[in-house]
Structures are given as C-alpha cells and as structure tokens.
C-alpha cells in the first residue's frame, strides 16, 4: 500500500537509513510476493 516516494524510501528501518533496501522490498512486494525461488535466483 505504500507509494514509491522519498517519504517511504527514507523512513527509518530499525533506525537505519537504507533507501536501497526499501526500494528492493517495494519491488519484490509488487513483482514476486511470496515467491521465494525468484529471490534465490536474484541472489545467485
């Protein structure tokens, strides 16, 4: 339900400033969901 904007990307993650992590999880939320095999291929 989040829009891809700076407010979402810059929000703290356990007090960390990691917009790259938020961006990739936003993309996974839309593109892969609970498909774990795709994440394995991407990490490989």
ModelCIF file with pLDDT and N, C-alpha, C, O atoms, coordinates in Angstrom:
data_MODEL
#
_entry.id   MODEL 
#
_entity.id                         1 
_entity.type                       polymer 
_entity.pdbx_number_of_molecules   1 
#
_entity_poly.entity_id                      1 
_entity_poly.type                           'polypeptide(L)' 
_entity_poly.nstd_linkage                   no 
_entity_poly.nstd_monomer                   no 
_entity_poly.pdbx_seq_one_letter_code       
;(UNK)(UNK)(UNK)(UNK)(UNK)(UNK)(UNK)(UNK)(UNK)(UNK)(UNK)(UNK)(UNK)(UNK)(UNK)(UNK)
(UNK)(UNK)(UNK)(UNK)(UNK)(UNK)(UNK)(UNK)(UNK)(UNK)(UNK)(UNK)(UNK)(UNK)(UNK)(UNK)
(UNK)(UNK)(UNK)(UNK)(UNK)(UNK)(UNK)(UNK)(UNK)(UNK)(UNK)(UNK)
;
_entity_poly.pdbx_seq_one_letter_code_can   XXXXXXXXXXXXXXXXXXXXXXXXXXXXXXXXXXXXXXXXXXXX 
_entity_poly.pdbx_strand_id                 A 
#
loop_
_entity_poly_seq.entity_id 
_entity_poly_seq.num 
_entity_poly_seq.mon_id 
_entity_poly_seq.hetero 
1 1  UNK n 
1 2  UNK n 
1 3  UNK n 
1 4  UNK n 
1 5  UNK n 
1 6  UNK n 
1 7  UNK n 
1 8  UNK n 
1 9  UNK n 
1 10 UNK n 
1 11 UNK n 
1 12 UNK n 
1 13 UNK n 
1 14 UNK n 
1 15 UNK n 
1 16 UNK n 
1 17 UNK n 
1 18 UNK n 
1 19 UNK n 
1 20 UNK n 
1 21 UNK n 
1 22 UNK n 
1 23 UNK n 
1 24 UNK n 
1 25 UNK n 
1 26 UNK n 
1 27 UNK n 
1 28 UNK n 
1 29 UNK n 
1 30 UNK n 
1 31 UNK n 
1 32 UNK n 
1 33 UNK n 
1 34 UNK n 
1 35 UNK n 
1 36 UNK n 
1 37 UNK n 
1 38 UNK n 
1 39 UNK n 
1 40 UNK n 
1 41 UNK n 
1 42 UNK n 
1 43 UNK n 
1 44 UNK n 
#
_struct_asym.id          A 
_struct_asym.entity_id   1 
#
loop_
_ma_qa_metric.id 
_ma_qa_metric.mode 
_ma_qa_metric.name 
_ma_qa_metric.software_group_id 
_ma_qa_metric.type 
1 global pLDDT . pLDDT 
2 local  pLDDT . pLDDT 
#
_ma_qa_metric_global.metric_id      1 
_ma_qa_metric_global.metric_value   94.34 
_ma_qa_metric_global.model_id       1 
_ma_qa_metric_global.ordinal_id     1 
#
loop_
_ma_qa_metric_local.label_asym_id 
_ma_qa_metric_local.label_comp_id 
_ma_qa_metric_local.label_seq_id 
_ma_qa_metric_local.metric_id 
_ma_qa_metric_local.metric_value 
_ma_qa_metric_local.model_id 
_ma_qa_metric_local.ordinal_id 
A UNK 1  2 90.00 1 1  
A UNK 2  2 93.00 1 2  
A UNK 3  2 94.00 1 3  
A UNK 4  2 95.00 1 4  
A UNK 5  2 96.00 1 5  
A UNK 6  2 96.00 1 6  
A UNK 7  2 94.00 1 7  
A UNK 8  2 95.00 1 8  
A UNK 9  2 96.00 1 9  
A UNK 10 2 95.00 1 10 
A UNK 11 2 94.00 1 11 
A UNK 12 2 93.00 1 12 
A UNK 13 2 91.00 1 13 
A UNK 14 2 86.00 1 14 
A UNK 15 2 87.00 1 15 
A UNK 16 2 92.00 1 16 
A UNK 17 2 95.00 1 17 
A UNK 18 2 96.00 1 18 
A UNK 19 2 96.00 1 19 
A UNK 20 2 96.00 1 20 
A UNK 21 2 96.00 1 21 
A UNK 22 2 96.00 1 22 
A UNK 23 2 97.00 1 23 
A UNK 24 2 97.00 1 24 
A UNK 25 2 96.00 1 25 
A UNK 26 2 96.00 1 26 
A UNK 27 2 96.00 1 27 
A UNK 28 2 96.00 1 28 
A UNK 29 2 94.00 1 29 
A UNK 30 2 93.00 1 30 
A UNK 31 2 93.00 1 31 
A UNK 32 2 91.00 1 32 
A UNK 33 2 91.00 1 33 
A UNK 34 2 93.00 1 34 
A UNK 35 2 95.00 1 35 
A UNK 36 2 95.00 1 36 
A UNK 37 2 95.00 1 37 
A UNK 38 2 96.00 1 38 
A UNK 39 2 96.00 1 39 
A UNK 40 2 96.00 1 40 
A UNK 41 2 96.00 1 41 
A UNK 42 2 95.00 1 42 
A UNK 43 2 96.00 1 43 
A UNK 44 2 96.00 1 44 
#
loop_
_atom_site.group_PDB 
_atom_site.id 
_atom_site.type_symbol 
_atom_site.label_atom_id 
_atom_site.label_alt_id 
_atom_site.label_comp_id 
_atom_site.label_asym_id 
_atom_site.label_entity_id 
_atom_site.label_seq_id 
_atom_site.pdbx_PDB_ins_code 
_atom_site.Cartn_x 
_atom_site.Cartn_y 
_atom_site.Cartn_z 
_atom_site.occupancy 
_atom_site.B_iso_or_equiv 
_atom_site.pdbx_formal_charge 
_atom_site.auth_seq_id 
_atom_site.auth_comp_id 
_atom_site.auth_asym_id 
_atom_site.auth_atom_id 
_atom_site.pdbx_PDB_model_num 
ATOM 1   N N  . UNK A 1 1  ? 0.781  -1.236  0.000  1.00 90.00 ? 1  UNK A N  1 
ATOM 2   C CA . UNK A 1 1  ? 0.000  0.000   0.000  1.00 90.00 ? 1  UNK A CA 1 
ATOM 3   C C  . UNK A 1 1  ? 0.811  1.283   0.000  1.00 90.00 ? 1  UNK A C  1 
ATOM 4   O O  . UNK A 1 1  ? 0.234  2.370   0.007  1.00 90.00 ? 1  UNK A O  1 
ATOM 5   N N  . UNK A 1 2  ? 2.131  1.186   -0.008 1.00 93.00 ? 2  UNK A N  1 
ATOM 6   C CA . UNK A 1 2  ? 2.982  2.375   0.025  1.00 93.00 ? 2  UNK A CA 1 
ATOM 7   C C  . UNK A 1 2  ? 3.276  2.874   -1.388 1.00 93.00 ? 2  UNK A C  1 
ATOM 8   O O  . UNK A 1 2  ? 3.480  2.086   -2.312 1.00 93.00 ? 2  UNK A O  1 
ATOM 9   N N  . UNK A 1 3  ? 3.293  4.190   -1.534 1.00 94.00 ? 3  UNK A N  1 
ATOM 10  C CA . UNK A 1 3  ? 3.720  4.786   -2.799 1.00 94.00 ? 3  UNK A CA 1 
ATOM 11  C C  . UNK A 1 3  ? 5.239  4.853   -2.828 1.00 94.00 ? 3  UNK A C  1 
ATOM 12  O O  . UNK A 1 3  ? 5.886  4.994   -1.791 1.00 94.00 ? 3  UNK A O  1 
ATOM 13  N N  . UNK A 1 4  ? 5.800  4.750   -4.028 1.00 95.00 ? 4  UNK A N  1 
ATOM 14  C CA . UNK A 1 4  ? 7.252  4.803   -4.158 1.00 95.00 ? 4  UNK A CA 1 
ATOM 15  C C  . UNK A 1 4  ? 7.682  6.270   -4.175 1.00 95.00 ? 4  UNK A C  1 
ATOM 16  O O  . UNK A 1 4  ? 7.890  6.856   -5.238 1.00 95.00 ? 4  UNK A O  1 
ATOM 17  N N  . UNK A 1 5  ? 7.809  6.847   -2.991 1.00 96.00 ? 5  UNK A N  1 
ATOM 18  C CA . UNK A 1 5  ? 8.240  8.247   -2.870 1.00 96.00 ? 5  UNK A CA 1 
ATOM 19  C C  . UNK A 1 5  ? 9.327  8.333   -1.807 1.00 96.00 ? 5  UNK A C  1 
ATOM 20  O O  . UNK A 1 5  ? 9.647  7.348   -1.142 1.00 96.00 ? 5  UNK A O  1 
ATOM 21  N N  . UNK A 1 6  ? 9.888  9.529   -1.662 1.00 96.00 ? 6  UNK A N  1 
ATOM 22  C CA . UNK A 1 6  ? 11.008 9.690   -0.747 1.00 96.00 ? 6  UNK A CA 1 
ATOM 23  C C  . UNK A 1 6  ? 10.581 9.493   0.708  1.00 96.00 ? 6  UNK A C  1 
ATOM 24  O O  . UNK A 1 6  ? 11.381 9.041   1.527  1.00 96.00 ? 6  UNK A O  1 
ATOM 25  N N  . UNK A 1 7  ? 9.358  9.817   1.032  1.00 94.00 ? 7  UNK A N  1 
ATOM 26  C CA . UNK A 1 7  ? 8.883  9.617   2.408  1.00 94.00 ? 7  UNK A CA 1 
ATOM 27  C C  . UNK A 1 7  ? 8.960  8.142   2.789  1.00 94.00 ? 7  UNK A C  1 
ATOM 28  O O  . UNK A 1 7  ? 9.355  7.803   3.905  1.00 94.00 ? 7  UNK A O  1 
ATOM 29  N N  . UNK A 1 8  ? 8.583  7.266   1.858  1.00 95.00 ? 8  UNK A N  1 
ATOM 30  C CA . UNK A 1 8  ? 8.679  5.830   2.125  1.00 95.00 ? 8  UNK A CA 1 
ATOM 31  C C  . UNK A 1 8  ? 10.130 5.365   2.107  1.00 95.00 ? 8  UNK A C  1 
ATOM 32  O O  . UNK A 1 8  ? 10.557 4.645   3.010  1.00 95.00 ? 8  UNK A O  1 
ATOM 33  N N  . UNK A 1 9  ? 10.895 5.765   1.094  1.00 96.00 ? 9  UNK A N  1 
ATOM 34  C CA . UNK A 1 9  ? 12.267 5.284   0.950  1.00 96.00 ? 9  UNK A CA 1 
ATOM 35  C C  . UNK A 1 9  ? 13.164 5.731   2.100  1.00 96.00 ? 9  UNK A C  1 
ATOM 36  O O  . UNK A 1 9  ? 14.069 5.001   2.502  1.00 96.00 ? 9  UNK A O  1 
ATOM 37  N N  . UNK A 1 10 ? 12.915 6.927   2.631  1.00 95.00 ? 10 UNK A N  1 
ATOM 38  C CA . UNK A 1 10 ? 13.800 7.470   3.663  1.00 95.00 ? 10 UNK A CA 1 
ATOM 39  C C  . UNK A 1 10 ? 13.336 7.168   5.078  1.00 95.00 ? 10 UNK A C  1 
ATOM 40  O O  . UNK A 1 10 ? 14.014 7.535   6.037  1.00 95.00 ? 10 UNK A O  1 
ATOM 41  N N  . UNK A 1 11 ? 12.205 6.514   5.228  1.00 94.00 ? 11 UNK A N  1 
ATOM 42  C CA . UNK A 1 11 ? 11.724 6.174   6.567  1.00 94.00 ? 11 UNK A CA 1 
ATOM 43  C C  . UNK A 1 11 ? 12.721 5.235   7.240  1.00 94.00 ? 11 UNK A C  1 
ATOM 44  O O  . UNK A 1 11 ? 13.251 4.343   6.579  1.00 94.00 ? 11 UNK A O  1 
ATOM 45  N N  . UNK A 1 12 ? 12.995 5.408   8.541  1.00 93.00 ? 12 UNK A N  1 
ATOM 46  C CA . UNK A 1 12 ? 13.989 4.567   9.226  1.00 93.00 ? 12 UNK A CA 1 
ATOM 47  C C  . UNK A 1 12 ? 13.584 3.092   9.208  1.00 93.00 ? 12 UNK A C  1 
ATOM 48  O O  . UNK A 1 12 ? 12.404 2.760   9.319  1.00 93.00 ? 12 UNK A O  1 
ATOM 49  N N  . UNK A 1 13 ? 14.565 2.228   9.069  1.00 91.00 ? 13 UNK A N  1 
ATOM 50  C CA . UNK A 1 13 ? 14.378 0.781   9.200  1.00 91.00 ? 13 UNK A CA 1 
ATOM 51  C C  . UNK A 1 13 ? 15.201 0.354   10.413 1.00 91.00 ? 13 UNK A C  1 
ATOM 52  O O  . UNK A 1 13 ? 16.420 0.201   10.327 1.00 91.00 ? 13 UNK A O  1 
ATOM 53  N N  . UNK A 1 14 ? 14.515 0.162   11.550 1.00 86.00 ? 14 UNK A N  1 
ATOM 54  C CA . UNK A 1 14 ? 15.231 -0.122  12.806 1.00 86.00 ? 14 UNK A CA 1 
ATOM 55  C C  . UNK A 1 14 ? 16.333 0.906   13.041 1.00 86.00 ? 14 UNK A C  1 
ATOM 56  O O  . UNK A 1 14 ? 17.453 0.551   13.410 1.00 86.00 ? 14 UNK A O  1 
ATOM 57  N N  . UNK A 1 15 ? 16.016 2.159   12.830 1.00 87.00 ? 15 UNK A N  1 
ATOM 58  C CA . UNK A 1 15 ? 16.854 3.353   12.991 1.00 87.00 ? 15 UNK A CA 1 
ATOM 59  C C  . UNK A 1 15 ? 17.966 3.462   11.949 1.00 87.00 ? 15 UNK A C  1 
ATOM 60  O O  . UNK A 1 15 ? 18.876 4.276   12.109 1.00 87.00 ? 15 UNK A O  1 
ATOM 61  N N  . UNK A 1 16 ? 17.909 2.644   10.870 1.00 92.00 ? 16 UNK A N  1 
ATOM 62  C CA . UNK A 1 16 ? 18.874 2.729   9.772  1.00 92.00 ? 16 UNK A CA 1 
ATOM 63  C C  . UNK A 1 16 ? 18.308 3.569   8.629  1.00 92.00 ? 16 UNK A C  1 
ATOM 64  O O  . UNK A 1 16 ? 17.095 3.623   8.424  1.00 92.00 ? 16 UNK A O  1 
ATOM 65  N N  . UNK A 1 17 ? 19.199 4.221   7.891  1.00 95.00 ? 17 UNK A N  1 
ATOM 66  C CA . UNK A 1 17 ? 18.840 4.972   6.693  1.00 95.00 ? 17 UNK A CA 1 
ATOM 67  C C  . UNK A 1 17 ? 19.271 4.134   5.490  1.00 95.00 ? 17 UNK A C  1 
ATOM 68  O O  . UNK A 1 17 ? 20.417 4.214   5.047  1.00 95.00 ? 17 UNK A O  1 
ATOM 69  N N  . UNK A 1 18 ? 18.340 3.325   4.963  1.00 96.00 ? 18 UNK A N  1 
ATOM 70  C CA . UNK A 1 18 ? 18.667 2.364   3.905  1.00 96.00 ? 18 UNK A CA 1 
ATOM 71  C C  . UNK A 1 18 ? 17.600 2.419   2.808  1.00 96.00 ? 18 UNK A C  1 
ATOM 72  O O  . UNK A 1 18 ? 16.822 1.475   2.667  1.00 96.00 ? 18 UNK A O  1 
ATOM 73  N N  . UNK A 1 19 ? 17.548 3.494   2.036  1.00 96.00 ? 19 UNK A N  1 
ATOM 74  C CA . UNK A 1 19 ? 16.534 3.583   0.967  1.00 96.00 ? 19 UNK A CA 1 
ATOM 75  C C  . UNK A 1 19 ? 16.687 2.501   -0.085 1.00 96.00 ? 19 UNK A C  1 
ATOM 76  O O  . UNK A 1 19 ? 15.701 2.116   -0.714 1.00 96.00 ? 19 UNK A O  1 
ATOM 77  N N  . UNK A 1 20 ? 17.902 1.997   -0.294 1.00 96.00 ? 20 UNK A N  1 
ATOM 78  C CA . UNK A 1 20 ? 18.085 0.918   -1.268 1.00 96.00 ? 20 UNK A CA 1 
ATOM 79  C C  . UNK A 1 20 ? 17.349 -0.339  -0.847 1.00 96.00 ? 20 UNK A C  1 
ATOM 80  O O  . UNK A 1 20 ? 16.722 -1.001  -1.674 1.00 96.00 ? 20 UNK A O  1 
ATOM 81  N N  . UNK A 1 21 ? 17.420 -0.672  0.429  1.00 96.00 ? 21 UNK A N  1 
ATOM 82  C CA . UNK A 1 21 ? 16.700 -1.843  0.937  1.00 96.00 ? 21 UNK A CA 1 
ATOM 83  C C  . UNK A 1 21 ? 15.197 -1.658  0.777  1.00 96.00 ? 21 UNK A C  1 
ATOM 84  O O  . UNK A 1 21 ? 14.503 -2.573  0.333  1.00 96.00 ? 21 UNK A O  1 
ATOM 85  N N  . UNK A 1 22 ? 14.696 -0.490  1.133  1.00 96.00 ? 22 UNK A N  1 
ATOM 86  C CA . UNK A 1 22 ? 13.257 -0.242  0.993  1.00 96.00 ? 22 UNK A CA 1 
ATOM 87  C C  . UNK A 1 22 ? 12.826 -0.336  -0.471 1.00 96.00 ? 22 UNK A C  1 
ATOM 88  O O  . UNK A 1 22 ? 11.750 -0.857  -0.768 1.00 96.00 ? 22 UNK A O  1 
ATOM 89  N N  . UNK A 1 23 ? 13.652 0.161   -1.380 1.00 97.00 ? 23 UNK A N  1 
ATOM 90  C CA . UNK A 1 23 ? 13.308 0.104   -2.804 1.00 97.00 ? 23 UNK A CA 1 
ATOM 91  C C  . UNK A 1 23 ? 13.182 -1.339  -3.276 1.00 97.00 ? 23 UNK A C  1 
ATOM 92  O O  . UNK A 1 23 ? 12.214 -1.684  -3.954 1.00 97.00 ? 23 UNK A O  1 
ATOM 93  N N  . UNK A 1 24 ? 14.142 -2.180  -2.929 1.00 97.00 ? 24 UNK A N  1 
ATOM 94  C CA . UNK A 1 24 ? 14.093 -3.560  -3.403 1.00 97.00 ? 24 UNK A CA 1 
ATOM 95  C C  . UNK A 1 24 ? 12.934 -4.330  -2.790 1.00 97.00 ? 24 UNK A C  1 
ATOM 96  O O  . UNK A 1 24 ? 12.309 -5.141  -3.473 1.00 97.00 ? 24 UNK A O  1 
ATOM 97  N N  . UNK A 1 25 ? 12.633 -4.094  -1.517 1.00 96.00 ? 25 UNK A N  1 
ATOM 98  C CA . UNK A 1 25 ? 11.488 -4.789  -0.925 1.00 96.00 ? 25 UNK A CA 1 
ATOM 99  C C  . UNK A 1 25 ? 10.170 -4.270  -1.507 1.00 96.00 ? 25 UNK A C  1 
ATOM 100 O O  . UNK A 1 25 ? 9.205  -5.026  -1.612 1.00 96.00 ? 25 UNK A O  1 
ATOM 101 N N  . UNK A 1 26 ? 10.119 -3.015  -1.878 1.00 96.00 ? 26 UNK A N  1 
ATOM 102 C CA . UNK A 1 26 ? 8.929  -2.473  -2.551 1.00 96.00 ? 26 UNK A CA 1 
ATOM 103 C C  . UNK A 1 26 ? 8.741  -3.179  -3.900 1.00 96.00 ? 26 UNK A C  1 
ATOM 104 O O  . UNK A 1 26 ? 7.627  -3.561  -4.256 1.00 96.00 ? 26 UNK A O  1 
ATOM 105 N N  . UNK A 1 27 ? 9.837  -3.347  -4.642 1.00 96.00 ? 27 UNK A N  1 
ATOM 106 C CA . UNK A 1 27 ? 9.758  -4.019  -5.938 1.00 96.00 ? 27 UNK A CA 1 
ATOM 107 C C  . UNK A 1 27 ? 9.375  -5.491  -5.766 1.00 96.00 ? 27 UNK A C  1 
ATOM 108 O O  . UNK A 1 27 ? 8.575  -6.015  -6.541 1.00 96.00 ? 27 UNK A O  1 
ATOM 109 N N  . UNK A 1 28 ? 9.932  -6.152  -4.768 1.00 96.00 ? 28 UNK A N  1 
ATOM 110 C CA . UNK A 1 28 ? 9.573  -7.553  -4.527 1.00 96.00 ? 28 UNK A CA 1 
ATOM 111 C C  . UNK A 1 28 ? 8.111  -7.677  -4.111 1.00 96.00 ? 28 UNK A C  1 
ATOM 112 O O  . UNK A 1 28 ? 7.432  -8.623  -4.509 1.00 96.00 ? 28 UNK A O  1 
ATOM 113 N N  . UNK A 1 29 ? 7.628  -6.741  -3.325 1.00 94.00 ? 29 UNK A N  1 
ATOM 114 C CA . UNK A 1 29 ? 6.226  -6.759  -2.905 1.00 94.00 ? 29 UNK A CA 1 
ATOM 115 C C  . UNK A 1 29 ? 5.307  -6.750  -4.122 1.00 94.00 ? 29 UNK A C  1 
ATOM 116 O O  . UNK A 1 29 ? 4.290  -7.443  -4.143 1.00 94.00 ? 29 UNK A O  1 
ATOM 117 N N  . UNK A 1 30 ? 5.669  -5.960  -5.139 1.00 93.00 ? 30 UNK A N  1 
ATOM 118 C CA . UNK A 1 30 ? 4.815  -5.859  -6.337 1.00 93.00 ? 30 UNK A CA 1 
ATOM 119 C C  . UNK A 1 30 ? 5.073  -6.989  -7.331 1.00 93.00 ? 30 UNK A C  1 
ATOM 120 O O  . UNK A 1 30 ? 4.142  -7.460  -7.984 1.00 93.00 ? 30 UNK A O  1 
ATOM 121 N N  . UNK A 1 31 ? 6.338  -7.431  -7.454 1.00 93.00 ? 31 UNK A N  1 
ATOM 122 C CA . UNK A 1 31 ? 6.686  -8.327  -8.551 1.00 93.00 ? 31 UNK A CA 1 
ATOM 123 C C  . UNK A 1 31 ? 6.733  -9.799  -8.172 1.00 93.00 ? 31 UNK A C  1 
ATOM 124 O O  . UNK A 1 31 ? 6.331  -10.650 -8.964 1.00 93.00 ? 31 UNK A O  1 
ATOM 125 N N  . UNK A 1 32 ? 7.215  -10.113 -6.978 1.00 91.00 ? 32 UNK A N  1 
ATOM 126 C CA . UNK A 1 32 ? 7.440  -11.525 -6.647 1.00 91.00 ? 32 UNK A CA 1 
ATOM 127 C C  . UNK A 1 32 ? 6.597  -12.006 -5.478 1.00 91.00 ? 32 UNK A C  1 
ATOM 128 O O  . UNK A 1 32 ? 6.313  -13.201 -5.392 1.00 91.00 ? 32 UNK A O  1 
ATOM 129 N N  . UNK A 1 33 ? 6.189  -11.127 -4.579 1.00 91.00 ? 33 UNK A N  1 
ATOM 130 C CA . UNK A 1 33 ? 5.370  -11.531 -3.442 1.00 91.00 ? 33 UNK A CA 1 
ATOM 131 C C  . UNK A 1 33 ? 6.050  -12.607 -2.617 1.00 91.00 ? 33 UNK A C  1 
ATOM 132 O O  . UNK A 1 33 ? 7.177  -12.424 -2.157 1.00 91.00 ? 33 UNK A O  1 
ATOM 133 N N  . UNK A 1 34 ? 5.367  -13.730 -2.428 1.00 93.00 ? 34 UNK A N  1 
ATOM 134 C CA . UNK A 1 34 ? 5.888  -14.822 -1.611 1.00 93.00 ? 34 UNK A CA 1 
ATOM 135 C C  . UNK A 1 34 ? 6.594  -15.897 -2.441 1.00 93.00 ? 34 UNK A C  1 
ATOM 136 O O  . UNK A 1 34 ? 6.753  -17.031 -1.988 1.00 93.00 ? 34 UNK A O  1 
ATOM 137 N N  . UNK A 1 35 ? 7.015  -15.538 -3.650 1.00 95.00 ? 35 UNK A N  1 
ATOM 138 C CA . UNK A 1 35 ? 7.768  -16.482 -4.487 1.00 95.00 ? 35 UNK A CA 1 
ATOM 139 C C  . UNK A 1 35 ? 9.236  -16.453 -4.057 1.00 95.00 ? 35 UNK A C  1 
ATOM 140 O O  . UNK A 1 35 ? 10.005 -15.594 -4.489 1.00 95.00 ? 35 UNK A O  1 
ATOM 141 N N  . UNK A 1 36 ? 9.604  -17.388 -3.217 1.00 95.00 ? 36 UNK A N  1 
ATOM 142 C CA . UNK A 1 36 ? 10.955 -17.397 -2.646 1.00 95.00 ? 36 UNK A CA 1 
ATOM 143 C C  . UNK A 1 36 ? 11.998 -17.821 -3.673 1.00 95.00 ? 36 UNK A C  1 
ATOM 144 O O  . UNK A 1 36 ? 13.141 -17.369 -3.610 1.00 95.00 ? 36 UNK A O  1 
ATOM 145 N N  . UNK A 1 37 ? 11.623 -18.682 -4.617 1.00 95.00 ? 37 UNK A N  1 
ATOM 146 C CA . UNK A 1 37 ? 12.595 -19.167 -5.598 1.00 95.00 ? 37 UNK A CA 1 
ATOM 147 C C  . UNK A 1 37 ? 13.162 -18.032 -6.436 1.00 95.00 ? 37 UNK A C  1 
ATOM 148 O O  . UNK A 1 37 ? 14.336 -18.054 -6.805 1.00 95.00 ? 37 UNK A O  1 
ATOM 149 N N  . UNK A 1 38 ? 12.329 -17.036 -6.736 1.00 96.00 ? 38 UNK A N  1 
ATOM 150 C CA . UNK A 1 38 ? 12.823 -15.895 -7.516 1.00 96.00 ? 38 UNK A CA 1 
ATOM 151 C C  . UNK A 1 38 ? 13.910 -15.155 -6.744 1.00 96.00 ? 38 UNK A C  1 
ATOM 152 O O  . UNK A 1 38 ? 14.887 -14.699 -7.339 1.00 96.00 ? 38 UNK A O  1 
ATOM 153 N N  . UNK A 1 39 ? 13.753 -15.033 -5.436 1.00 96.00 ? 39 UNK A N  1 
ATOM 154 C CA . UNK A 1 39 ? 14.785 -14.337 -4.647 1.00 96.00 ? 39 UNK A CA 1 
ATOM 155 C C  . UNK A 1 39 ? 16.090 -15.119 -4.650 1.00 96.00 ? 39 UNK A C  1 
ATOM 156 O O  . UNK A 1 39 ? 17.164 -14.519 -4.610 1.00 96.00 ? 39 UNK A O  1 
ATOM 157 N N  . UNK A 1 40 ? 16.021 -16.444 -4.698 1.00 96.00 ? 40 UNK A N  1 
ATOM 158 C CA . UNK A 1 40 ? 17.251 -17.243 -4.766 1.00 96.00 ? 40 UNK A CA 1 
ATOM 159 C C  . UNK A 1 40 ? 17.982 -16.967 -6.075 1.00 96.00 ? 40 UNK A C  1 
ATOM 160 O O  . UNK A 1 40 ? 19.194 -16.756 -6.085 1.00 96.00 ? 40 UNK A O  1 
ATOM 161 N N  . UNK A 1 41 ? 17.239 -16.971 -7.174 1.00 96.00 ? 41 UNK A N  1 
ATOM 162 C CA . UNK A 1 41 ? 17.848 -16.720 -8.481 1.00 96.00 ? 41 UNK A CA 1 
ATOM 163 C C  . UNK A 1 41 ? 18.472 -15.336 -8.528 1.00 96.00 ? 41 UNK A C  1 
ATOM 164 O O  . UNK A 1 41 ? 19.570 -15.159 -9.056 1.00 96.00 ? 41 UNK A O  1 
ATOM 165 N N  . UNK A 1 42 ? 17.764 -14.349 -7.972 1.00 95.00 ? 42 UNK A N  1 
ATOM 166 C CA . UNK A 1 42 ? 18.288 -12.981 -7.966 1.00 95.00 ? 42 UNK A CA 1 
ATOM 167 C C  . UNK A 1 42 ? 19.573 -12.888 -7.144 1.00 95.00 ? 42 UNK A C  1 
ATOM 168 O O  . UNK A 1 42 ? 20.525 -12.221 -7.548 1.00 95.00 ? 42 UNK A O  1 
ATOM 169 N N  . UNK A 1 43 ? 19.597 -13.554 -5.998 1.00 96.00 ? 43 UNK A N  1 
ATOM 170 C CA . UNK A 1 43 ? 20.804 -13.517 -5.166 1.00 96.00 ? 43 UNK A CA 1 
ATOM 171 C C  . UNK A 1 43 ? 21.954 -14.263 -5.830 1.00 96.00 ? 43 UNK A C  1 
ATOM 172 O O  . UNK A 1 43 ? 23.107 -13.842 -5.729 1.00 96.00 ? 43 UNK A O  1 
ATOM 173 N N  . UNK A 1 44 ? 21.652 -15.365 -6.506 1.00 96.00 ? 44 UNK A N  1 
ATOM 174 C CA . UNK A 1 44 ? 22.698 -16.067 -7.252 1.00 96.00 ? 44 UNK A CA 1 
ATOM 175 C C  . UNK A 1 44 ? 23.313 -15.149 -8.303 1.00 96.00 ? 44 UNK A C  1 
ATOM 176 O O  . UNK A 1 44 ? 24.213 -15.563 -9.033 1.00 96.00 ? 44 UNK A O  1 
#
